[in-house]
PDB file of N, CA and C in Angstrom:
ATOM      1  N   MET A   1      -0.559   3.783 -16.757  1.00  0.00           N
ATOM      2  CA  MET A   1      -0.574   4.256 -15.395  1.00  0.00           C
ATOM      3  C   MET A   1      -1.004   3.152 -14.458  1.00  0.00           C
ATOM      4  N   LEU A   2      -0.415   3.148 -13.297  1.00  0.00           N
ATOM      5  CA  LEU A   2      -0.698   2.083 -12.298  1.00  0.00           C
ATOM      6  C   LEU A   2      -1.979   2.459 -11.531  1.00  0.00           C
ATOM      7  N   ILE A   3      -2.882   1.535 -11.432  1.00  0.00           N
ATOM      8  CA  ILE A   3      -4.137   1.713 -10.691  1.00  0.00           C
ATOM      9  C   ILE A   3      -4.117   0.763  -9.512  1.00  0.00           C
ATOM     10  N   PHE A   4      -4.318   1.340  -8.331  1.00  0.00           N
ATOM     11  CA  PHE A   4      -4.321   0.519  -7.158  1.00  0.00           C
ATOM     12  C   PHE A   4      -5.787   0.021  -7.009  1.00  0.00           C
ATOM     13  N   ALA A   5      -5.892  -1.294  -6.862  1.00  0.00           N
ATOM     14  CA  ALA A   5      -7.235  -1.865  -6.681  1.00  0.00           C
ATOM     15  C   ALA A   5      -7.111  -3.016  -5.669  1.00  0.00           C
ATOM     16  N   ARG A   6      -8.207  -3.232  -4.969  1.00  0.00           N
ATOM     17  CA  ARG A   6      -8.246  -4.317  -3.986  1.00  0.00           C
ATOM     18  C   ARG A   6      -8.486  -5.631  -4.767  1.00  0.00           C
ATOM     19  N   PRO A   7      -7.767  -6.708  -4.522  1.00  0.00           N
ATOM     20  CA  PRO A   7      -8.023  -8.000  -5.138  1.00  0.00           C
ATOM     21  C   PRO A   7      -9.409  -8.509  -4.888  1.00  0.00           C
ATOM     22  N   LYS A   8      -9.978  -9.206  -5.818  1.00  0.00           N
ATOM     23  CA  LYS A   8     -11.308  -9.768  -5.639  1.00  0.00           C
ATOM     24  C   LYS A   8     -11.320 -10.796  -4.567  1.00  0.00           C
ATOM     25  N   PHE A   9     -12.363 -10.904  -3.836  1.00  0.00           N
ATOM     26  CA  PHE A   9     -12.502 -11.845  -2.664  1.00  0.00           C
ATOM     27  C   PHE A   9     -12.549 -13.273  -3.226  1.00  0.00           C
ATOM     28  N   ASN A  10     -11.792 -14.116  -2.703  1.00  0.00           N
ATOM     29  CA  ASN A  10     -11.763 -15.534  -3.064  1.00  0.00           C
ATOM     30  C   ASN A  10     -11.983 -16.372  -1.823  1.00  0.00           C
ATOM     31  N   ARG A  11     -13.057 -17.072  -1.823  1.00  0.00           N
ATOM     32  CA  ARG A  11     -13.380 -17.861  -0.533  1.00  0.00           C
ATOM     33  C   ARG A  11     -12.358 -18.931  -0.252  1.00  0.00           C
ATOM     34  N   THR A  12     -11.795 -19.591  -1.233  1.00  0.00           N
ATOM     35  CA  THR A  12     -10.752 -20.536  -0.890  1.00  0.00           C
ATOM     36  C   THR A  12      -9.571 -19.928  -0.269  1.00  0.00           C
ATOM     37  N   MET A  13      -9.154 -18.721  -0.719  1.00  0.00           N
ATOM     38  CA  MET A  13      -8.057 -18.010  -0.141  1.00  0.00           C
ATOM     39  C   MET A  13      -8.322 -17.557   1.231  1.00  0.00           C
ATOM     40  N   ALA A  14      -9.612 -17.181   1.502  1.00  0.00           N
ATOM     41  CA  ALA A  14     -10.006 -16.670   2.809  1.00  0.00           C
ATOM     42  C   ALA A  14      -9.896 -17.795   3.874  1.00  0.00           C
ATOM     43  N   SER A  15     -10.120 -19.028   3.437  1.00  0.00           N
ATOM     44  CA  SER A  15     -10.115 -20.074   4.380  1.00  0.00           C
ATOM     45  C   SER A  15      -8.737 -20.467   4.784  1.00  0.00           C
ATOM     46  N   LYS A  16      -7.706 -20.168   3.956  1.00  0.00           N
ATOM     47  CA  LYS A  16      -6.329 -20.506   4.273  1.00  0.00           C
ATOM     48  C   LYS A  16      -5.636 -19.330   4.870  1.00  0.00           C
ATOM     49  N   ASN A  17      -4.724 -19.574   5.749  1.00  0.00           N
ATOM     50  CA  ASN A  17      -4.024 -18.525   6.358  1.00  0.00           C
ATOM     51  C   ASN A  17      -2.702 -18.240   5.549  1.00  0.00           C
ATOM     52  N   LEU A  18      -2.893 -17.375   4.505  1.00  0.00           N
ATOM     53  CA  LEU A  18      -1.817 -17.121   3.562  1.00  0.00           C
ATOM     54  C   LEU A  18      -0.791 -16.080   4.025  1.00  0.00           C
ATOM     55  N   MET A  19      -1.257 -15.187   4.937  1.00  0.00           N
ATOM     56  CA  MET A  19      -0.375 -14.098   5.446  1.00  0.00           C
ATOM     57  C   MET A  19      -0.303 -14.180   6.956  1.00  0.00           C
ATOM     58  N   THR A  20       0.707 -13.707   7.486  1.00  0.00           N
ATOM     59  CA  THR A  20       0.870 -13.666   8.944  1.00  0.00           C
ATOM     60  C   THR A  20      -0.162 -12.634   9.512  1.00  0.00           C
ATOM     61  N   ALA A  21      -0.534 -12.764  10.637  1.00  0.00           N
ATOM     62  CA  ALA A  21      -1.595 -11.885  11.273  1.00  0.00           C
ATOM     63  C   ALA A  21      -1.164 -10.404  11.311  1.00  0.00           C
ATOM     64  N   LYS A  22       0.159 -10.166  11.459  1.00  0.00           N
ATOM     65  CA  LYS A  22       0.557  -8.751  11.536  1.00  0.00           C
ATOM     66  C   LYS A  22       0.409  -7.946  10.233  1.00  0.00           C
ATOM     67  N   PHE A  23       0.217  -8.653   9.124  1.00  0.00           N
ATOM     68  CA  PHE A  23       0.048  -7.936   7.862  1.00  0.00           C
ATOM     69  C   PHE A  23      -1.450  -7.871   7.330  1.00  0.00           C
ATOM     70  N   LYS A  24      -2.306  -8.407   8.106  1.00  0.00           N
ATOM     71  CA  LYS A  24      -3.726  -8.435   7.711  1.00  0.00           C
ATOM     72  C   LYS A  24      -4.409  -7.053   7.994  1.00  0.00           C
ATOM     73  N   HIS A  25      -5.175  -6.668   7.050  1.00  0.00           N
ATOM     74  CA  HIS A  25      -5.968  -5.430   7.231  1.00  0.00           C
ATOM     75  C   HIS A  25      -7.434  -5.754   6.852  1.00  0.00           C
ATOM     76  N   THR A  26      -8.379  -5.010   7.437  1.00  0.00           N
ATOM     77  CA  THR A  26      -9.730  -5.165   7.035  1.00  0.00           C
ATOM     78  C   THR A  26      -9.952  -4.501   5.702  1.00  0.00           C
ATOM     79  N   TYR A  27     -11.077  -4.775   5.082  1.00  0.00           N
ATOM     80  CA  TYR A  27     -11.385  -4.161   3.797  1.00  0.00           C
ATOM     81  C   TYR A  27     -11.472  -2.681   3.939  1.00  0.00           C
ATOM     82  N   ALA A  28     -12.018  -2.234   5.060  1.00  0.00           N
ATOM     83  CA  ALA A  28     -12.106  -0.755   5.262  1.00  0.00           C
ATOM     84  C   ALA A  28     -10.726  -0.126   5.334  1.00  0.00           C
ATOM     85  N   GLU A  29      -9.817  -0.812   6.042  1.00  0.00           N
ATOM     86  CA  GLU A  29      -8.455  -0.295   6.143  1.00  0.00           C
ATOM     87  C   GLU A  29      -7.749  -0.303   4.800  1.00  0.00           C
ATOM     88  N   GLN A  30      -7.963  -1.410   4.056  1.00  0.00           N
ATOM     89  CA  GLN A  30      -7.339  -1.445   2.724  1.00  0.00           C
ATOM     90  C   GLN A  30      -7.919  -0.354   1.804  1.00  0.00           C
ATOM     91  N   ASN A  31      -9.183  -0.134   1.839  1.00  0.00           N
ATOM     92  CA  ASN A  31      -9.774   0.940   0.981  1.00  0.00           C
ATOM     93  C   ASN A  31      -9.321   2.294   1.386  1.00  0.00           C
ATOM     94  N   ALA A  32      -9.145   2.547   2.672  1.00  0.00           N
ATOM     95  CA  ALA A  32      -8.639   3.824   3.118  1.00  0.00           C
ATOM     96  C   ALA A  32      -7.232   4.055   2.671  1.00  0.00           C
ATOM     97  N   LEU A  33      -6.419   2.994   2.772  1.00  0.00           N
ATOM     98  CA  LEU A  33      -5.000   3.110   2.300  1.00  0.00           C
ATOM     99  C   LEU A  33      -4.955   3.344   0.802  1.00  0.00           C
ATOM    100  N   LEU A  34      -5.735   2.578   0.017  1.00  0.00           N
ATOM    101  CA  LEU A  34      -5.747   2.783  -1.434  1.00  0.00           C
ATOM    102  C   LEU A  34      -6.210   4.131  -1.842  1.00  0.00           C
ATOM    103  N   ARG A  35      -7.231   4.653  -1.146  1.00  0.00           N
ATOM    104  CA  ARG A  35      -7.698   6.013  -1.432  1.00  0.00           C
ATOM    105  C   ARG A  35      -6.612   7.039  -1.185  1.00  0.00           C
ATOM    106  N   ASP A  36      -5.948   6.875  -0.064  1.00  0.00           N
ATOM    107  CA  ASP A  36      -4.840   7.827   0.228  1.00  0.00           C
ATOM    108  C   ASP A  36      -3.659   7.735  -0.757  1.00  0.00           C
ATOM    109  N   LEU A  37      -3.353   6.543  -1.150  1.00  0.00           N
ATOM    110  CA  LEU A  37      -2.191   6.321  -2.112  1.00  0.00           C
ATOM    111  C   LEU A  37      -2.651   6.840  -3.519  1.00  0.00           C
ATOM    112  N   ARG A  38      -3.872   6.717  -3.921  1.00  0.00           N
ATOM    113  CA  ARG A  38      -4.250   7.209  -5.213  1.00  0.00           C
ATOM    114  C   ARG A  38      -4.137   8.767  -5.244  1.00  0.00           C
ATOM    115  N   GLU A  39      -4.565   9.351  -4.103  1.00  0.00           N
ATOM    116  CA  GLU A  39      -4.515  10.839  -4.054  1.00  0.00           C
ATOM    117  C   GLU A  39      -3.018  11.345  -3.994  1.00  0.00           C
ATOM    118  N   LEU A  40      -2.219  10.594  -3.313  1.00  0.00           N
ATOM    119  CA  LEU A  40      -0.785  11.005  -3.241  1.00  0.00           C
ATOM    120  C   LEU A  40      -0.081  10.839  -4.584  1.00  0.00           C
ATOM    121  N   LEU A  41      -0.434   9.818  -5.329  1.00  0.00           N
ATOM    122  CA  LEU A  41       0.163   9.640  -6.655  1.00  0.00           C
ATOM    123  C   LEU A  41      -0.196  10.846  -7.558  1.00  0.00           C
ATOM    124  N   LYS A  42      -1.332  11.404  -7.351  1.00  0.00           N
ATOM    125  CA  LYS A  42      -1.729  12.530  -8.242  1.00  0.00           C
ATOM    126  C   LYS A  42      -1.070  13.840  -7.760  1.00  0.00           C
ATOM    127  N   HIS A  43      -1.110  14.079  -6.404  1.00  0.00           N
ATOM    128  CA  HIS A  43      -0.737  15.422  -5.974  1.00  0.00           C
ATOM    129  C   HIS A  43       0.338  15.467  -4.878  1.00  0.00           C
ATOM    130  N   GLY A  44       0.784  14.318  -4.323  1.00  0.00           N
ATOM    131  CA  GLY A  44       1.561  14.307  -3.180  1.00  0.00           C
ATOM    132  C   GLY A  44       3.088  14.277  -3.494  1.00  0.00           C
ATOM    133  N   ASP A  45       3.852  14.353  -2.412  1.00  0.00           N
ATOM    134  CA  ASP A  45       5.318  14.236  -2.529  1.00  0.00           C
ATOM    135  C   ASP A  45       5.727  13.048  -1.653  1.00  0.00           C
ATOM    136  N   GLU A  46       7.023  12.773  -1.694  1.00  0.00           N
ATOM    137  CA  GLU A  46       7.575  11.587  -1.028  1.00  0.00           C
ATOM    138  C   GLU A  46       7.332  11.655   0.504  1.00  0.00           C
ATOM    139  N   ARG A  47       7.448  12.812   1.123  1.00  0.00           N
ATOM    140  CA  ARG A  47       7.348  12.927   2.559  1.00  0.00           C
ATOM    141  C   ARG A  47       5.935  12.657   2.995  1.00  0.00           C
ATOM    142  N   GLU A  48       4.952  13.096   2.188  1.00  0.00           N
ATOM    143  CA  GLU A  48       3.484  12.862   2.540  1.00  0.00           C
ATOM    144  C   GLU A  48       3.261  11.356   2.317  1.00  0.00           C
ATOM    145  N   PHE A  49       3.889  10.733   1.279  1.00  0.00           N
ATOM    146  CA  PHE A  49       3.722   9.305   0.998  1.00  0.00           C
ATOM    147  C   PHE A  49       4.226   8.488   2.221  1.00  0.00           C
ATOM    148  N   MET A  50       5.329   8.858   2.761  1.00  0.00           N
ATOM    149  CA  MET A  50       5.895   8.116   3.915  1.00  0.00           C
ATOM    150  C   MET A  50       4.930   8.281   5.147  1.00  0.00           C
ATOM    151  N   GLN A  51       4.356   9.435   5.324  1.00  0.00           N
ATOM    152  CA  GLN A  51       3.517   9.714   6.447  1.00  0.00           C
ATOM    153  C   GLN A  51       2.259   8.862   6.375  1.00  0.00           C
ATOM    154  N   VAL A  52       1.699   8.705   5.166  1.00  0.00           N
ATOM    155  CA  VAL A  52       0.570   7.876   4.964  1.00  0.00           C
ATOM    156  C   VAL A  52       0.873   6.425   5.272  1.00  0.00           C
ATOM    157  N   LEU A  53       1.984   5.917   4.808  1.00  0.00           N
ATOM    158  CA  LEU A  53       2.378   4.545   5.079  1.00  0.00           C
ATOM    159  C   LEU A  53       2.458   4.352   6.561  1.00  0.00           C
ATOM    160  N   ARG A  54       3.086   5.276   7.281  1.00  0.00           N
ATOM    161  CA  ARG A  54       3.182   5.126   8.755  1.00  0.00           C
ATOM    162  C   ARG A  54       1.844   5.175   9.392  1.00  0.00           C
ATOM    163  N   LYS A  55       0.972   6.053   8.874  1.00  0.00           N
ATOM    164  CA  LYS A  55      -0.387   6.210   9.455  1.00  0.00           C
ATOM    165  C   LYS A  55      -1.140   4.857   9.364  1.00  0.00           C
ATOM    166  N   HIS A  56      -0.904   4.158   8.309  1.00  0.00           N
ATOM    167  CA  HIS A  56      -1.659   2.880   8.085  1.00  0.00           C
ATOM    168  C   HIS A  56      -0.884   1.649   8.657  1.00  0.00           C
ATOM    169  N   GLY A  57       0.138   1.884   9.449  1.00  0.00           N
ATOM    170  CA  GLY A  57       0.792   0.758  10.163  1.00  0.00           C
ATOM    171  C   GLY A  57       1.999   0.148   9.491  1.00  0.00           C
ATOM    172  N   ILE A  58       2.510   0.782   8.388  1.00  0.00           N
ATOM    173  CA  ILE A  58       3.649   0.288   7.762  1.00  0.00           C
ATOM    174  C   ILE A  58       4.823   1.128   8.167  1.00  0.00           C
ATOM    175  N   LYS A  59       5.601   0.616   9.148  1.00  0.00           N
ATOM    176  CA  LYS A  59       6.687   1.380   9.774  1.00  0.00           C
ATOM    177  C   LYS A  59       7.972   1.336   8.974  1.00  0.00           C
ATOM    178  N   ASP A  60       8.921   2.290   9.327  1.00  0.00           N
ATOM    179  CA  ASP A  60      10.182   2.395   8.623  1.00  0.00           C
ATOM    180  C   ASP A  60      10.996   1.114   8.664  1.00  0.00           C
ATOM    181  N   GLU A  61      10.882   0.291   9.805  1.00  0.00           N
ATOM    182  CA  GLU A  61      11.705  -0.825   9.958  1.00  0.00           C
ATOM    183  C   GLU A  61      11.165  -2.055   9.090  1.00  0.00           C
ATOM    184  N   ASP A  62       9.912  -1.933   8.627  1.00  0.00           N
ATOM    185  CA  ASP A  62       9.260  -3.005   7.860  1.00  0.00           C
ATOM    186  C   ASP A  62       9.951  -3.076   6.492  1.00  0.00           C
ATOM    187  N   SER A  63      10.166  -4.280   6.039  1.00  0.00           N
ATOM    188  CA  SER A  63      10.819  -4.446   4.731  1.00  0.00           C
ATOM    189  C   SER A  63       9.927  -4.026   3.617  1.00  0.00           C
ATOM    190  N   ARG A  64       8.595  -4.046   3.808  1.00  0.00           N
ATOM    191  CA  ARG A  64       7.654  -3.576   2.794  1.00  0.00           C
ATOM    192  C   ARG A  64       7.813  -2.060   2.609  1.00  0.00           C
ATOM    193  N   PHE A  65       8.148  -1.313   3.666  1.00  0.00           N
ATOM    194  CA  PHE A  65       8.227   0.119   3.572  1.00  0.00           C
ATOM    195  C   PHE A  65       9.208   0.549   2.540  1.00  0.00           C
ATOM    196  N   ALA A  66      10.411  -0.048   2.515  1.00  0.00           N
ATOM    197  CA  ALA A  66      11.454   0.277   1.542  1.00  0.00           C
ATOM    198  C   ALA A  66      11.056  -0.095   0.140  1.00  0.00           C
ATOM    199  N   GLU A  67      10.400  -1.236   0.016  1.00  0.00           N
ATOM    200  CA  GLU A  67       9.976  -1.693  -1.307  1.00  0.00           C
ATOM    201  C   GLU A  67       8.895  -0.719  -1.894  1.00  0.00           C
ATOM    202  N   ILE A  68       7.943  -0.397  -1.109  1.00  0.00           N
ATOM    203  CA  ILE A  68       6.836   0.500  -1.538  1.00  0.00           C
ATOM    204  C   ILE A  68       7.415   1.901  -1.835  1.00  0.00           C
ATOM    205  N   LEU A  69       8.380   2.351  -1.077  1.00  0.00           N
ATOM    206  CA  LEU A  69       8.920   3.666  -1.262  1.00  0.00           C
ATOM    207  C   LEU A  69       9.781   3.664  -2.599  1.00  0.00           C
ATOM    208  N   LYS A  70      10.382   2.633  -2.805  1.00  0.00           N
ATOM    209  CA  LYS A  70      11.204   2.501  -4.098  1.00  0.00           C
ATOM    210  C   LYS A  70      10.270   2.516  -5.328  1.00  0.00           C
ATOM    211  N   LEU A  71       9.128   1.771  -5.224  1.00  0.00           N
ATOM    212  CA  LEU A  71       8.197   1.847  -6.283  1.00  0.00           C
ATOM    213  C   LEU A  71       7.567   3.257  -6.528  1.00  0.00           C
ATOM    214  N   PHE A  72       7.317   3.939  -5.396  1.00  0.00           N
ATOM    215  CA  PHE A  72       6.824   5.289  -5.475  1.00  0.00           C
ATOM    216  C   PHE A  72       7.815   6.195  -6.206  1.00  0.00           C
ATOM    217  N   ARG A  73       9.103   6.114  -5.852  1.00  0.00           N
ATOM    218  CA  ARG A  73      10.162   6.886  -6.531  1.00  0.00           C
ATOM    219  C   ARG A  73      10.260   6.558  -7.973  1.00  0.00           C
ATOM    220  N   ASP A  74      10.167   5.192  -8.313  1.00  0.00           N
ATOM    221  CA  ASP A  74      10.216   4.894  -9.716  1.00  0.00           C
ATOM    222  C   ASP A  74       9.032   5.442 -10.490  1.00  0.00           C
ATOM    223  N   LEU A  75       7.845   5.408  -9.942  1.00  0.00           N
ATOM    224  CA  LEU A  75       6.702   6.010 -10.543  1.00  0.00           C
ATOM    225  C   LEU A  75       6.830   7.473 -10.808  1.00  0.00           C
ATOM    226  N   ARG A  76       7.329   8.182  -9.806  1.00  0.00           N
ATOM    227  CA  ARG A  76       7.554   9.637  -9.903  1.00  0.00           C
ATOM    228  C   ARG A  76       8.619   9.955 -10.907  1.00  0.00           C
ATOM    229  N   GLY A  77       9.686   9.101 -11.012  1.00  0.00           N
ATOM    230  CA  GLY A  77      10.706   9.375 -11.873  1.00  0.00           C
ATOM    231  C   GLY A  77      10.517   8.945 -13.326  1.00  0.00           C
ATOM    232  N   GLY A  78       9.372   8.220 -13.578  1.00  0.00           N
ATOM    233  CA  GLY A  78       9.069   7.823 -14.872  1.00  0.00           C
ATOM    234  C   GLY A  78       9.795   6.535 -15.335  1.00  0.00           C
ATOM    235  N   LYS A  79      10.257   5.763 -14.384  1.00  0.00           N
ATOM    236  CA  LYS A  79      11.020   4.538 -14.733  1.00  0.00           C
ATOM    237  C   LYS A  79      10.132   3.332 -15.030  1.00  0.00           C
ATOM    238  N   THR A  80       8.839   3.493 -14.771  1.00  0.00           N
ATOM    239  CA  THR A  80       7.914   2.292 -15.041  1.00  0.00           C
ATOM    240  C   THR A  80       7.088   2.622 -16.234  1.00  0.00           C
TER     241      THR A  80
END
């Protein structure tokens, strides 16, 4: 089973700008998203999953949205 977890903090990574500013989230935002995703994997459906992604700032036009949704469908379908 896939477990969502926040990566460990690495000071050398924090000093470098590895991601563009529009994809950065605070630890509180990351934890809230992970909490919602864990709950959805247990009890939710695809529509709720898309609503949570939108709520956390990942919009339909974002390339990550399609990738994440595909992974969710694969997990639900037992392909992984």
